[in-house]
Protein backbone atom coordinates (compact mmCIF):
# COMPACT_ATOMS: atom_id res chain seq x y z
CA UNK A 1 18.39 30.43 -2.69
CA UNK A 2 16.56 27.08 -3.10
CA UNK A 3 14.80 26.23 -6.35
CA UNK A 4 11.13 25.37 -5.90
CA UNK A 5 9.32 23.05 -8.30
CA UNK A 6 5.71 24.19 -8.52
CA UNK A 7 2.81 22.34 -10.11
CA UNK A 8 -0.52 23.95 -11.02
CA UNK A 9 -3.51 21.94 -12.24
CA UNK A 10 -5.23 25.06 -13.51
CA UNK A 11 -8.98 25.37 -13.99
CA UNK A 12 -9.73 27.31 -17.18
CA UNK A 13 -12.41 29.38 -15.42
CA UNK A 14 -12.62 30.85 -11.92
CA UNK A 15 -15.51 28.74 -10.66
CA UNK A 16 -13.68 25.42 -10.34
CA UNK A 17 -10.84 24.44 -8.03
CA UNK A 18 -7.22 24.80 -9.10
CA UNK A 19 -4.74 22.38 -7.51
CA UNK A 20 -1.36 23.73 -6.36
CA UNK A 21 1.65 21.71 -5.19
CA UNK A 22 5.19 22.78 -4.29
CA UNK A 23 8.31 20.62 -3.95
CA UNK A 24 11.43 21.96 -2.28
CA UNK A 25 14.95 21.58 -3.68
CA UNK A 26 15.20 18.04 -2.26
CA UNK A 27 11.88 16.95 -3.73
CA UNK A 28 9.83 17.06 -0.51
CA UNK A 29 6.23 18.19 -0.79
CA UNK A 30 6.05 21.42 1.21
CA UNK A 31 2.71 22.83 0.07
CA UNK A 32 -0.52 21.36 -1.29
CA UNK A 33 -3.67 23.45 -1.61
CA UNK A 34 -6.75 24.19 -3.64
CA UNK A 35 -7.73 27.69 -4.77
CA UNK A 36 -10.51 29.19 -6.86
CA UNK A 37 -9.71 32.66 -8.22
CA UNK A 38 -6.42 34.22 -9.30
CA UNK A 39 -6.03 36.15 -6.05
CA UNK A 40 -6.17 32.94 -4.03
CA UNK A 41 -3.77 31.17 -6.39
CA UNK A 42 -1.21 33.99 -6.20
CA UNK A 43 -1.50 34.12 -2.40
CA UNK A 44 -0.64 30.42 -2.14
CA UNK A 45 2.28 30.71 -4.58
CA UNK A 46 3.81 33.95 -3.34
CA UNK A 47 6.11 32.46 -0.64
CA UNK A 48 7.55 29.93 -3.13
CA UNK A 49 7.68 31.80 -6.44
CA UNK A 50 9.68 34.84 -5.33
CA UNK A 51 13.04 33.17 -5.91
CA UNK A 52 14.36 30.61 -8.43
CA UNK A 53 11.53 28.30 -9.52
CA UNK A 54 10.10 26.24 -12.33
CA UNK A 55 6.31 26.34 -12.54
CA UNK A 56 4.66 23.54 -14.55
CA UNK A 57 1.07 24.37 -15.51
CA UNK A 58 -1.52 21.94 -16.85
CA UNK A 59 -3.21 24.54 -19.05
CA UNK A 60 -2.39 26.34 -22.33
CA UNK A 61 0.15 29.14 -21.95
CA UNK A 62 0.36 30.33 -25.55
CA UNK A 63 -2.68 30.15 -27.88
CA UNK A 64 -2.50 31.96 -31.25
CA UNK A 65 -4.39 29.72 -33.70
CA UNK A 66 -7.93 30.77 -34.66
CA UNK A 67 -9.28 27.24 -35.05
CA UNK A 68 -8.39 23.57 -34.70
CA UNK A 69 -5.56 22.36 -32.55
CA UNK A 70 -2.25 24.01 -31.82
CA UNK A 71 0.82 22.48 -33.53
CA UNK A 72 2.01 21.27 -30.11
CA UNK A 73 -1.26 19.43 -29.52
CA UNK A 74 -1.17 17.77 -32.94
CA UNK A 75 2.43 16.65 -32.47
CA UNK A 76 1.81 15.30 -28.96
CA UNK A 77 -1.33 13.48 -30.08
CA UNK A 78 0.60 11.80 -32.90
CA UNK A 79 2.66 10.05 -30.22
CA UNK A 80 0.16 9.63 -27.38
CA UNK A 81 -3.36 9.34 -28.87
CA UNK A 82 -2.94 5.54 -29.20
CA UNK A 83 -2.55 5.47 -25.40
CA UNK A 84 -5.78 7.53 -24.98
CA UNK A 85 -3.55 10.49 -24.06
CA UNK A 86 -4.07 12.78 -27.02
CA UNK A 87 -4.33 16.50 -26.24
CA UNK A 88 -7.60 18.42 -26.52
CA UNK A 89 -7.60 21.12 -29.23
CA UNK A 90 -7.18 24.72 -28.08
CA UNK A 91 -7.81 27.86 -30.17
CA UNK A 92 -8.86 31.48 -29.88
CA UNK A 93 -12.42 30.62 -30.95
CA UNK A 94 -12.93 29.27 -27.45
CA UNK A 95 -14.20 31.97 -25.08
CA UNK A 96 -11.39 31.29 -22.57
CA UNK A 97 -8.80 32.42 -25.13
CA UNK A 98 -10.71 34.87 -27.33
CA UNK A 99 -8.91 38.19 -27.63
CA UNK A 100 -6.98 37.83 -24.38
CA UNK A 101 -4.11 36.11 -22.69
CA UNK A 102 -4.74 32.64 -21.42
CA UNK A 103 -5.32 32.39 -17.68
CA UNK A 104 -2.04 30.49 -17.35
CA UNK A 105 -0.19 33.31 -19.13
CA UNK A 106 -1.81 35.95 -16.90
CA UNK A 107 -0.75 34.11 -13.74
CA UNK A 108 2.78 33.62 -15.08
CA UNK A 109 3.04 37.32 -15.81
CA UNK A 110 1.71 38.24 -12.37
CA UNK A 111 4.38 36.03 -10.82
CA UNK A 112 7.10 37.58 -12.99
CA UNK A 113 7.82 34.31 -14.81
CA UNK A 114 9.09 33.92 -18.34
CA UNK A 115 7.26 31.35 -20.46
CA UNK A 116 10.25 29.44 -21.76
CA UNK A 117 12.14 26.13 -21.79
CA UNK A 118 15.47 27.99 -21.56
CA UNK A 119 17.47 26.31 -18.79
CA UNK A 120 19.47 29.47 -18.11
CA UNK A 121 16.41 31.31 -16.84
CA UNK A 122 16.10 31.12 -13.04
CA UNK A 123 12.34 31.70 -12.98
CA UNK A 124 10.23 30.24 -15.76
CA UNK A 125 6.85 28.68 -16.54
CA UNK A 126 6.26 25.64 -18.74
CA UNK A 127 3.13 23.91 -20.05
CA UNK A 128 2.69 20.22 -19.23
CA UNK A 129 0.08 17.51 -19.80
CA UNK A 130 -0.34 14.94 -16.97
CA UNK A 131 -2.00 12.18 -19.03
CA UNK A 132 0.89 11.96 -21.49
CA UNK A 133 3.40 12.30 -18.66
CA UNK A 134 1.95 9.27 -16.87
CA UNK A 135 2.26 7.11 -19.98
CA UNK A 136 5.99 7.85 -20.27
CA UNK A 137 6.92 8.08 -16.60
CA UNK A 138 5.21 4.89 -15.50
CA UNK A 139 5.07 3.01 -18.82
CA UNK A 140 1.30 2.70 -18.65
CA UNK A 141 -0.47 0.91 -21.49
CA UNK A 142 -3.42 3.30 -21.30
CA UNK A 143 -4.26 6.45 -19.37
CA UNK A 144 -5.66 6.04 -15.88
CA UNK A 145 -9.41 6.67 -16.08
CA UNK A 146 -9.92 8.88 -13.04
CA UNK A 147 -11.48 11.82 -14.86
CA UNK A 148 -15.28 12.13 -14.76
CA UNK A 149 -16.53 11.04 -18.19
CA UNK A 150 -19.87 9.53 -19.25
CA UNK A 151 -20.13 5.88 -18.27
CA UNK A 152 -17.41 6.01 -15.63
CA UNK A 153 -18.38 5.05 -12.12
CA UNK A 154 -17.18 6.46 -8.85
CA UNK A 155 -15.69 3.07 -7.90
CA UNK A 156 -13.63 2.75 -11.06
CA UNK A 157 -12.48 6.38 -10.98
CA UNK A 158 -11.48 6.11 -7.31
CA UNK A 159 -9.44 2.97 -7.98
CA UNK A 160 -7.61 4.62 -10.86
CA UNK A 161 -6.85 7.77 -8.86
CA UNK A 162 -5.53 5.70 -5.96
CA UNK A 163 -3.32 3.89 -8.45
CA UNK A 164 -1.89 7.25 -9.50
CA UNK A 165 -1.17 8.17 -5.86
CA UNK A 166 0.78 4.92 -5.51
CA UNK A 167 2.75 5.60 -8.67
CA UNK A 168 3.65 9.08 -7.45
CA UNK A 169 4.74 7.67 -4.09
CA UNK A 170 6.98 5.21 -5.95
CA UNK A 171 9.01 8.17 -7.21
CA UNK A 172 10.64 8.29 -3.78
CA UNK A 173 13.14 5.85 -5.28
CA UNK A 174 13.51 7.66 -8.60
CA UNK A 175 16.08 10.15 -9.78
CA UNK A 176 15.14 12.89 -9.27
CA UNK A 177 13.13 11.76 -6.28
CA UNK A 178 9.99 13.08 -4.66
CA UNK A 179 9.15 12.68 -0.97
CA UNK A 180 5.41 12.51 -0.28
CA UNK A 181 5.70 11.07 3.21
CA UNK A 182 4.13 14.16 4.76
CA UNK A 183 0.81 14.61 6.62
CA UNK A 184 -0.93 16.69 3.96
CA UNK A 185 -0.38 13.98 1.34
CA UNK A 186 -1.43 11.14 3.64
CA UNK A 187 -4.61 13.06 4.47
CA UNK A 188 -5.29 13.54 0.75
CA UNK A 189 -4.93 9.83 -0.04
CA UNK A 190 -7.22 8.90 2.84
CA UNK A 191 -9.83 11.39 1.61
CA UNK A 192 -9.70 9.86 -1.88
CA UNK A 193 -10.22 6.37 -0.48
CA UNK A 194 -13.22 7.68 1.49
CA UNK A 195 -14.71 9.71 -1.38
CA UNK A 196 -18.45 9.10 -1.47
CA UNK A 197 -19.27 11.28 -4.49
CA UNK A 198 -17.65 12.23 -7.76
CA UNK A 199 -17.42 15.82 -6.51
CA UNK A 200 -15.38 14.64 -3.51
CA UNK A 201 -13.12 12.72 -5.87
CA UNK A 202 -12.70 15.72 -8.17
CA UNK A 203 -11.32 17.82 -5.32
CA UNK A 204 -8.70 15.17 -4.65
CA UNK A 205 -8.00 14.69 -8.36
CA UNK A 206 -6.98 18.34 -8.82
CA UNK A 207 -4.44 18.08 -5.99
CA UNK A 208 -2.97 14.79 -7.21
CA UNK A 209 -2.55 16.24 -10.71
CA UNK A 210 -0.85 19.27 -9.19
CA UNK A 211 1.71 17.01 -7.48
CA UNK A 212 2.38 15.29 -10.80
CA UNK A 213 2.86 18.70 -12.42
CA UNK A 214 5.28 19.67 -9.63
CA UNK A 215 7.34 16.56 -10.39
CA UNK A 216 7.42 17.54 -14.07
CA UNK A 217 8.70 20.95 -12.99
CA UNK A 218 11.39 19.17 -10.98
CA UNK A 219 12.37 17.14 -14.05
CA UNK A 220 12.60 20.35 -16.06
CA UNK A 221 14.84 21.85 -13.38
CA UNK A 222 17.29 18.98 -12.82
CA UNK A 223 16.86 16.46 -15.68
CA UNK A 224 15.59 18.37 -18.74
CA UNK A 225 17.21 15.82 -21.07
CA UNK A 226 14.41 13.42 -20.12
CA UNK A 227 11.74 15.72 -21.54
CA UNK A 228 10.50 16.26 -25.09
CA UNK A 229 9.11 19.64 -26.17
CA UNK A 230 6.20 19.46 -28.62
CA UNK A 231 5.49 22.57 -30.70
CA UNK A 232 7.32 25.88 -30.94
CA UNK A 233 7.59 28.82 -28.49
CA UNK A 234 5.63 31.22 -30.69
CA UNK A 235 2.59 28.89 -31.03
CA UNK A 236 2.85 27.08 -27.68
CA UNK A 237 4.99 24.26 -26.37
CA UNK A 238 4.07 21.25 -24.23
CA UNK A 239 6.81 19.47 -22.29
CA UNK A 240 6.40 15.84 -21.30
CA UNK A 241 8.72 12.96 -20.39
CA UNK A 242 10.01 11.35 -23.56
CA UNK A 243 7.93 8.41 -24.77
CA UNK A 244 10.07 5.24 -24.79
CA UNK A 245 10.60 4.08 -28.36
CA UNK A 246 9.62 0.48 -27.56
CA UNK A 247 6.53 1.31 -25.52
CA UNK A 248 3.22 0.04 -26.91
CA UNK A 249 -0.38 0.68 -25.85
CA UNK A 250 -2.20 -1.90 -23.76
CA UNK A 251 -5.57 -3.52 -24.50
CA UNK A 252 -8.72 -1.59 -23.80
CA UNK A 253 -10.42 -2.79 -20.62
CA UNK A 254 -13.75 -4.53 -21.08
CA UNK A 255 -16.78 -3.36 -19.15
CA UNK A 256 -18.14 -5.87 -16.64
CA UNK A 257 -21.80 -5.26 -15.71
CA UNK A 258 -22.31 -5.01 -11.98
CA UNK A 259 -18.58 -4.93 -11.28
CA UNK A 260 -18.63 -1.51 -9.65
CA UNK A 261 -21.28 -2.60 -7.17
CA UNK A 262 -19.13 -5.58 -6.14
CA UNK A 263 -16.02 -3.44 -5.67
CA UNK A 264 -17.90 -0.68 -3.87
CA UNK A 265 -19.47 -3.14 -1.46
CA UNK A 266 -16.10 -4.81 -0.83
CA UNK A 267 -14.38 -1.49 -0.10
CA UNK A 268 -17.22 -0.44 2.19
CA UNK A 269 -17.08 -3.72 4.13
CA UNK A 270 -13.29 -3.50 4.30
CA UNK A 271 -13.47 0.04 5.69
CA UNK A 272 -16.13 -0.95 8.23
CA UNK A 273 -14.01 -3.83 9.51
CA UNK A 274 -10.64 -2.10 9.34
CA UNK A 275 -10.21 -1.55 13.08
CA UNK A 276 -10.68 -5.28 13.71
CA UNK A 277 -8.28 -6.06 10.86
CA UNK A 278 -5.61 -3.85 12.41
CA UNK A 279 -5.99 -5.66 15.73
CA UNK A 280 -5.73 -9.00 13.94
CA UNK A 281 -2.60 -7.86 12.09
CA UNK A 282 -0.98 -6.82 15.38
CA UNK A 283 -1.90 -10.21 16.87
CA UNK A 284 -0.37 -12.07 13.90
CA UNK A 285 2.79 -9.98 14.21
CA UNK A 286 3.13 -10.71 17.92
CA UNK A 287 2.38 -14.40 17.36
CA UNK A 288 5.01 -14.83 14.63
CA UNK A 289 7.63 -12.86 16.56
CA UNK A 290 6.83 -14.85 19.69
CA UNK A 291 7.21 -18.29 18.15
CA UNK A 292 10.46 -17.24 16.43
CA UNK A 293 11.84 -16.00 19.74
CA UNK A 294 10.67 -19.13 21.54
CA UNK A 295 12.41 -21.28 18.94
CA UNK A 296 15.55 -19.17 19.24
CA UNK A 297 15.76 -18.57 15.49
CA UNK A 298 18.05 -15.74 14.47
CA UNK A 299 16.43 -12.92 12.51
CA UNK A 300 17.08 -9.28 11.69
CA UNK A 301 13.50 -8.00 11.90
CA UNK A 302 9.86 -9.01 11.97
CA UNK A 303 7.36 -6.40 10.77
CA UNK A 304 3.68 -6.48 9.90
CA UNK A 305 0.74 -4.37 8.81
CA UNK A 306 -2.90 -4.37 7.80
CA UNK A 307 -3.28 -3.38 4.15
CA UNK A 308 -4.42 0.24 4.01
CA UNK A 309 -7.95 1.02 2.92
CA UNK A 310 -6.68 3.00 -0.05
CA UNK A 311 -4.41 0.16 -1.20
CA UNK A 312 -7.27 -2.32 -0.90
CA UNK A 313 -9.60 -0.04 -2.86
CA UNK A 314 -7.07 0.37 -5.65
CA UNK A 315 -6.30 -3.34 -5.82
CA UNK A 316 -9.97 -4.33 -5.74
CA UNK A 317 -10.61 -2.25 -8.87
CA UNK A 318 -7.74 -3.73 -10.89
CA UNK A 319 -8.28 -5.62 -14.11
CA UNK A 320 -6.03 -7.69 -16.36
CA UNK A 321 -6.58 -8.11 -20.09
CA UNK A 322 -9.97 -6.49 -19.66
CA UNK A 323 -11.18 -8.85 -16.90
CA UNK A 324 -11.43 -8.12 -13.16
CA UNK A 325 -8.34 -9.35 -11.34
CA UNK A 326 -10.34 -10.22 -8.22
CA UNK A 327 -13.88 -11.54 -8.73
CA UNK A 328 -14.51 -11.34 -4.98
CA UNK A 329 -12.05 -8.79 -3.54
CA UNK A 330 -12.69 -9.55 0.14
CA UNK A 331 -11.66 -13.18 -0.32
CA UNK A 332 -9.44 -12.90 -3.38
CA UNK A 333 -7.03 -10.29 -1.98
CA UNK A 334 -5.04 -12.47 0.41
CA UNK A 335 -2.43 -10.00 1.65
CA UNK A 336 -4.85 -7.98 3.78
CA UNK A 337 -2.60 -8.97 6.69
CA UNK A 338 1.09 -9.09 5.88
CA UNK A 339 4.07 -10.11 8.00
CA UNK A 340 7.68 -9.92 6.82
CA UNK A 341 10.57 -11.79 8.41
CA UNK A 342 14.12 -10.77 7.44
CA UNK A 343 16.87 -13.25 8.32
CA UNK A 344 20.62 -13.28 7.89
CA UNK A 345 21.09 -16.68 6.26
CA UNK A 346 19.15 -18.78 3.77
CA UNK A 347 19.16 -21.66 6.24
CA UNK A 348 17.26 -19.40 8.62
CA UNK A 349 14.66 -18.75 5.89
CA UNK A 350 14.06 -22.49 5.71
CA UNK A 351 13.96 -22.74 9.51
CA UNK A 352 11.34 -19.98 9.75
CA UNK A 353 9.22 -21.62 7.04
CA UNK A 354 9.37 -25.00 8.80
CA UNK A 355 8.45 -23.45 12.13
CA UNK A 356 5.50 -21.51 10.74
CA UNK A 357 4.24 -24.60 8.92
CA UNK A 358 4.37 -26.45 12.23
CA UNK A 359 2.68 -23.79 14.36
CA UNK A 360 0.08 -22.52 11.85
CA UNK A 361 -2.12 -23.95 9.11
CA UNK A 362 -0.11 -23.66 5.90
CA UNK A 363 -2.45 -22.73 3.04
CA UNK A 364 0.21 -22.02 0.41
CA UNK A 365 3.99 -22.00 0.17
CA UNK A 366 5.75 -20.39 -2.77
CA UNK A 367 9.52 -20.25 -3.02
CA UNK A 368 9.91 -17.36 -5.45
CA UNK A 369 13.66 -17.85 -5.71
CA UNK A 370 13.19 -21.48 -6.75
CA UNK A 371 10.57 -20.47 -9.31
CA UNK A 372 12.95 -17.88 -10.73
CA UNK A 373 15.77 -20.43 -10.87
CA UNK A 374 13.57 -22.94 -12.72
CA UNK A 375 13.16 -20.29 -15.41
CA UNK A 376 16.95 -20.26 -15.80
CA UNK A 377 17.52 -16.74 -14.49
CA UNK A 378 18.47 -14.70 -11.45
CA UNK A 379 15.98 -12.35 -9.85
CA UNK A 380 13.40 -12.03 -7.11
CA UNK A 381 13.92 -14.49 -4.25
CA UNK A 382 11.56 -14.71 -1.29
CA UNK A 383 9.51 -17.35 0.50
CA UNK A 384 5.79 -16.52 0.52
CA UNK A 385 3.66 -18.42 3.03
CA UNK A 386 -0.11 -18.11 3.30
CA UNK A 387 -1.09 -19.11 6.84
CA UNK A 388 -4.02 -19.26 9.23
CA UNK A 389 -4.38 -19.98 12.93
CA UNK A 390 -5.41 -23.58 13.79
CA UNK A 391 -9.03 -23.89 14.90
CA UNK A 392 -7.89 -25.72 18.03
CA UNK A 393 -5.31 -23.15 19.17
CA UNK A 394 -5.48 -23.09 22.98
CA UNK A 395 -5.49 -19.28 23.18
CA UNK A 396 -9.18 -18.36 23.08
CA UNK A 397 -8.52 -14.63 22.76
CA UNK A 398 -6.19 -15.22 19.82
CA UNK A 399 -8.77 -17.48 18.16
CA UNK A 400 -11.41 -14.79 18.47
CA UNK A 401 -9.11 -12.21 16.86
CA UNK A 402 -7.83 -14.38 14.01
CA UNK A 403 -10.78 -16.66 13.27
CA UNK A 404 -11.27 -16.80 9.51
CA UNK A 405 -8.34 -14.46 8.83
CA UNK A 406 -5.34 -15.40 6.74
CA UNK A 407 -1.94 -13.74 6.73
CA UNK A 408 0.76 -13.62 4.08
CA UNK A 409 4.21 -14.08 5.58
CA UNK A 410 7.20 -13.18 3.42
CA UNK A 411 10.54 -14.60 4.55
CA UNK A 412 13.82 -13.58 2.94
CA UNK A 413 17.44 -12.86 3.77
CA UNK A 414 18.63 -9.32 4.30
CA UNK A 415 20.40 -9.40 0.92
CA UNK A 416 17.31 -10.71 -0.86
CA UNK A 417 15.28 -8.00 0.88
CA UNK A 418 17.61 -5.21 -0.22
CA UNK A 419 17.45 -6.38 -3.84
CA UNK A 420 13.67 -6.81 -3.81
CA UNK A 421 12.99 -3.40 -2.27
CA UNK A 422 15.28 -1.57 -4.68
CA UNK A 423 13.97 -3.40 -7.73
CA UNK A 424 10.38 -2.77 -6.67
CA UNK A 425 11.09 0.94 -6.26
CA UNK A 426 13.07 1.37 -9.47
CA UNK A 427 12.30 -1.22 -12.11
CA UNK A 428 8.63 -1.94 -11.71
CA UNK A 429 7.57 1.58 -10.83
CA UNK A 430 8.64 3.17 -14.03
CA UNK A 431 11.70 5.12 -12.99
CA UNK A 432 14.12 3.71 -15.58
CA UNK A 433 14.65 5.85 -18.70
CA UNK A 434 13.90 3.83 -21.83
CA UNK A 435 17.38 4.48 -23.22
CA UNK A 436 18.94 2.65 -20.26
CA UNK A 437 16.32 -0.08 -19.75
CA UNK A 438 18.26 -2.98 -21.27
CA UNK A 439 21.52 -2.08 -19.58
CA UNK A 440 19.87 -1.65 -16.20
CA UNK A 441 17.95 -4.91 -16.67
CA UNK A 442 21.29 -6.64 -17.17
CA UNK A 443 22.68 -4.93 -14.08
CA UNK A 444 19.70 -6.00 -11.96
CA UNK A 445 20.20 -9.59 -13.11
CA UNK A 446 23.92 -9.43 -12.42
CA UNK A 447 23.28 -7.99 -8.95
CA UNK A 448 20.77 -10.75 -8.17
CA UNK A 449 23.38 -13.35 -9.11
CA UNK A 450 26.05 -11.67 -7.00
CA UNK A 451 23.75 -11.49 -3.99
CA UNK A 452 22.85 -15.15 -4.36
CA UNK A 453 26.56 -15.91 -4.33
CA UNK A 454 27.00 -13.67 -1.28
CA UNK A 455 24.20 -15.53 0.54
CA UNK A 456 25.98 -18.80 -0.23
CA UNK A 457 29.24 -17.42 1.15
CA UNK A 458 27.57 -16.22 4.35
CA UNK A 459 26.21 -19.72 4.86
CA UNK A 460 29.63 -21.21 4.14
CA UNK A 461 31.23 -18.86 6.67
CA UNK A 462 28.84 -20.02 9.37
CA UNK A 463 29.42 -23.68 8.54
CA UNK A 464 33.18 -23.18 8.61
CA UNK A 465 33.05 -21.39 11.95
CA UNK A 466 30.95 -24.17 13.43
CA UNK A 467 33.37 -26.79 12.20
CA UNK A 468 36.52 -25.00 13.34
CA UNK A 469 35.40 -23.49 16.64
CA UNK A 470 37.22 -24.65 19.73
CA UNK A 471 34.86 -25.82 22.44
CA UNK A 472 35.70 -23.60 25.39
CA UNK A 473 34.61 -26.11 28.01
CA UNK A 474 38.05 -26.32 29.54
CA UNK A 475 38.79 -22.59 29.43
CA UNK A 476 38.81 -20.70 32.73
CA UNK A 477 36.56 -17.65 32.26
CA UNK A 478 35.00 -15.30 34.79
CA UNK A 479 31.35 -14.09 34.80
CA UNK A 480 29.76 -15.11 31.52
CA UNK A 481 28.83 -12.56 28.88
CA UNK A 482 26.59 -13.00 25.87
CA UNK A 483 29.66 -13.15 23.65
CA UNK A 484 31.28 -15.84 25.80
CA UNK A 485 28.10 -17.88 25.62
CA UNK A 486 27.79 -17.47 21.84
CA UNK A 487 31.32 -18.77 21.31
CA UNK A 488 30.74 -21.67 23.70
CA UNK A 489 27.43 -22.74 22.16
CA UNK A 490 28.82 -22.58 18.62
CA UNK A 491 31.11 -25.41 19.62
CA UNK A 492 28.77 -27.30 21.92
CA UNK A 493 25.84 -27.36 19.45
CA UNK A 494 27.68 -27.58 16.17
CA UNK A 495 24.57 -28.51 14.20
CA UNK A 496 22.42 -25.69 15.58
CA UNK A 497 21.78 -22.34 13.97
CA UNK A 498 22.93 -19.09 15.50
CA UNK A 499 20.56 -17.23 17.80
CA UNK A 500 19.89 -13.51 18.15
CA UNK A 501 22.54 -11.48 19.96
CA UNK A 502 20.10 -10.30 22.62
CA UNK A 503 19.09 -13.90 23.28
CA UNK A 504 22.67 -14.81 24.19
CA UNK A 505 22.76 -11.89 26.63
CA UNK A 506 19.41 -12.88 28.11
CA UNK A 507 20.48 -16.51 28.49
CA UNK A 508 23.75 -15.47 30.15
CA UNK A 509 21.62 -13.69 32.74
CA UNK A 510 19.57 -16.85 33.41
CA UNK A 511 22.76 -18.87 33.80
CA UNK A 512 24.03 -16.33 36.33
CA UNK A 513 20.74 -16.69 38.26
CA UNK A 514 21.49 -20.42 38.50
CA UNK A 515 24.85 -19.56 40.08
CA UNK A 516 26.88 -20.67 37.05
CA UNK A 517 29.61 -18.12 36.34
CA UNK A 518 32.22 -20.15 34.44
CA UNK A 519 32.12 -22.03 31.16
CA UNK A 520 33.65 -25.22 32.66
CA UNK A 521 30.78 -25.29 35.16
CA UNK A 522 28.22 -24.87 32.38
CA UNK A 523 29.92 -27.64 30.40
CA UNK A 524 29.70 -29.92 33.44
CA UNK A 525 25.97 -29.23 33.80
CA UNK A 526 25.31 -29.97 30.14
CA UNK A 527 27.33 -33.18 30.33
CA UNK A 528 24.63 -34.56 32.63
CA UNK A 529 21.93 -34.01 29.98
CA UNK A 530 21.19 -36.72 27.42
CA UNK A 531 20.84 -34.52 24.34
CA UNK A 532 19.51 -37.32 22.16
CA UNK A 533 16.80 -38.26 24.64
CA UNK A 534 15.91 -34.61 25.21
CA UNK A 535 15.48 -33.97 21.51
CA UNK A 536 13.27 -37.01 21.20
CA UNK A 537 11.12 -35.99 24.17
CA UNK A 538 10.51 -32.49 22.82
CA UNK A 539 10.11 -33.70 19.26
CA UNK A 540 11.69 -30.72 17.52
CA UNK A 541 9.91 -30.24 14.20
CA UNK A 542 12.07 -27.27 13.30
CA UNK A 543 15.84 -26.67 13.36
CA UNK A 544 16.20 -25.49 16.98
CA UNK A 545 18.81 -22.76 17.41
CA UNK A 546 21.58 -22.82 20.00
CA UNK A 547 19.89 -20.76 22.73
CA UNK A 548 16.69 -22.82 22.47
CA UNK A 549 18.74 -26.03 22.78
CA UNK A 550 20.46 -24.68 25.90
CA UNK A 551 17.14 -23.45 27.30
CA UNK A 552 15.67 -26.94 27.04
CA UNK A 553 18.80 -28.56 28.50
CA UNK A 554 18.71 -26.29 31.57
CA UNK A 555 14.98 -26.94 31.96
CA UNK A 556 15.61 -30.69 31.89
CA UNK A 557 18.50 -30.41 34.36
CA UNK A 558 17.03 -27.98 36.92
CA UNK A 559 13.27 -28.52 36.45
CA UNK A 560 10.98 -26.29 38.51
CA UNK A 561 13.90 -24.29 39.85
CA UNK A 562 14.65 -23.13 36.33
CA UNK A 563 10.99 -22.30 35.67
CA UNK A 564 10.88 -20.05 38.75
CA UNK A 565 13.98 -17.99 37.95
CA UNK A 566 13.23 -14.24 38.02
CA UNK A 567 14.39 -13.94 34.42
CA UNK A 568 11.71 -16.43 33.36
CA UNK A 569 8.81 -14.64 35.04
CA UNK A 570 7.20 -13.72 31.72
CA UNK A 571 7.11 -17.32 30.49
CA UNK A 572 6.34 -19.44 33.53
CA UNK A 573 3.32 -21.02 31.86
CA UNK A 574 5.21 -21.84 28.68
CA UNK A 575 8.14 -23.43 30.53
CA UNK A 576 5.77 -25.27 32.87
CA UNK A 577 3.99 -26.88 29.93
CA UNK A 578 7.31 -27.86 28.39
CA UNK A 579 8.48 -29.33 31.69
CA UNK A 580 5.34 -31.44 31.91
CA UNK A 581 6.11 -32.89 28.50
CA UNK A 582 9.60 -33.80 29.67
CA UNK A 583 8.34 -35.47 32.83
CA UNK A 584 5.52 -37.25 31.02
CA UNK A 585 8.04 -39.07 28.90
């Protein structure tokens, strides 16, 4: 029978909402709900708590002291108070615990759970504390200020709670993992981003805390060695991820008068214009993919997106060393539109960067790999281009969509991408146990160096193949295939980059439409083209790949006939304009 990890952010009384979250044995969120009284709570939990389960409750389970704080609370506060994560004192003088079981204990008993940290027990309840857990899990310098306290604004609280949702989502790459890519979670995050009152935010806060508690239950079930128990069973125990020995508190953020109004206005304007932003992001994606295809540059994938409203809201509220990170969020956050190009070779990264700089207005160009190398180390490598559409672009519709909008284009090889994605998920999102941090840091660095070497070898393989390939111009071959054409062009255009596989297939079809079915015939056609003159006429400002070179050669040789081929129906205007340039010269 599967083990469920259940999290309960328990209200001490029965007038406020209790958050409930359930993870299945694989870590997928399978239930997320709010409830008010005990009957409702038990009804939600019943399908999941009948079999093996660990239930982590953010509320006191055992309270025996008449005054002051429990031993567990004093011990936890000794470690976490400097991070603003000290525990609140609990005692039987409080009406919630006077002469009776705590609410958490009553619910545990009703569910047939044993309050214990004993791993041999198949069904048990444990007490947890989300604030302290966040400090250890995510190596935060201070607690996230999403709770409603005097002096805290809705804007600041919303930004902090959205930050917590992102941190929880990052645990998809942790061990043990959690999978929050489910509709109920996405709906919750959207509701937090749209929260217009502190009451709205509180409802979301309870559910987010419940998910965090469920993850702590999962840790207790599969990785209990990563938890520290504060206190003793007879007086109450609190379990929380072990605080890394080298972890220090961060500076206290300074208050900036009027800051919340700026952030709130920026988030509101961003939300109001989000539909237009999504259309602009789609247009940028199509534009970048189109010019790469037109240039014949080989790539693995081109993807893009508009930054989500919740991500923008969280980022807009960020501060560093007590100062706002973005004075004007709508202009300062420059990755509102993002496009990512993944190539096979580092030479293709350079080709893409040159092409984009030629076709768009280049506002910034950062070679992160070069910056890392200048620091004498291996690590993150990616080309980051900040671009905008030229004011004189001939496409009026495109100008109307993209006017005044920038895009950040990240270009990297598939190996660089794999390293960056894994490091982002593991290292920077707090999933590395403190005891292994130095060793894993060394392993990340070693892996980065090995992948850089692998990228170099891939480039060397291509260069060697281009040098050694036999030009198949004299070989008798039947109807041309994409593979035949790729081999032929590797020899004919030795200085050109490889093109995409589907482009070779597409070009083989165009050649067949011209009535050319043998490589010797194609070689004879190309022999009539002055490659040097053609290159000069077209003025390549980027390293044209093999298929693009052949495309231009056939256009020069066959002219209007080539333009009107059925396979070129979707680009008649583009080829016509190129043909005019050839004839003008």
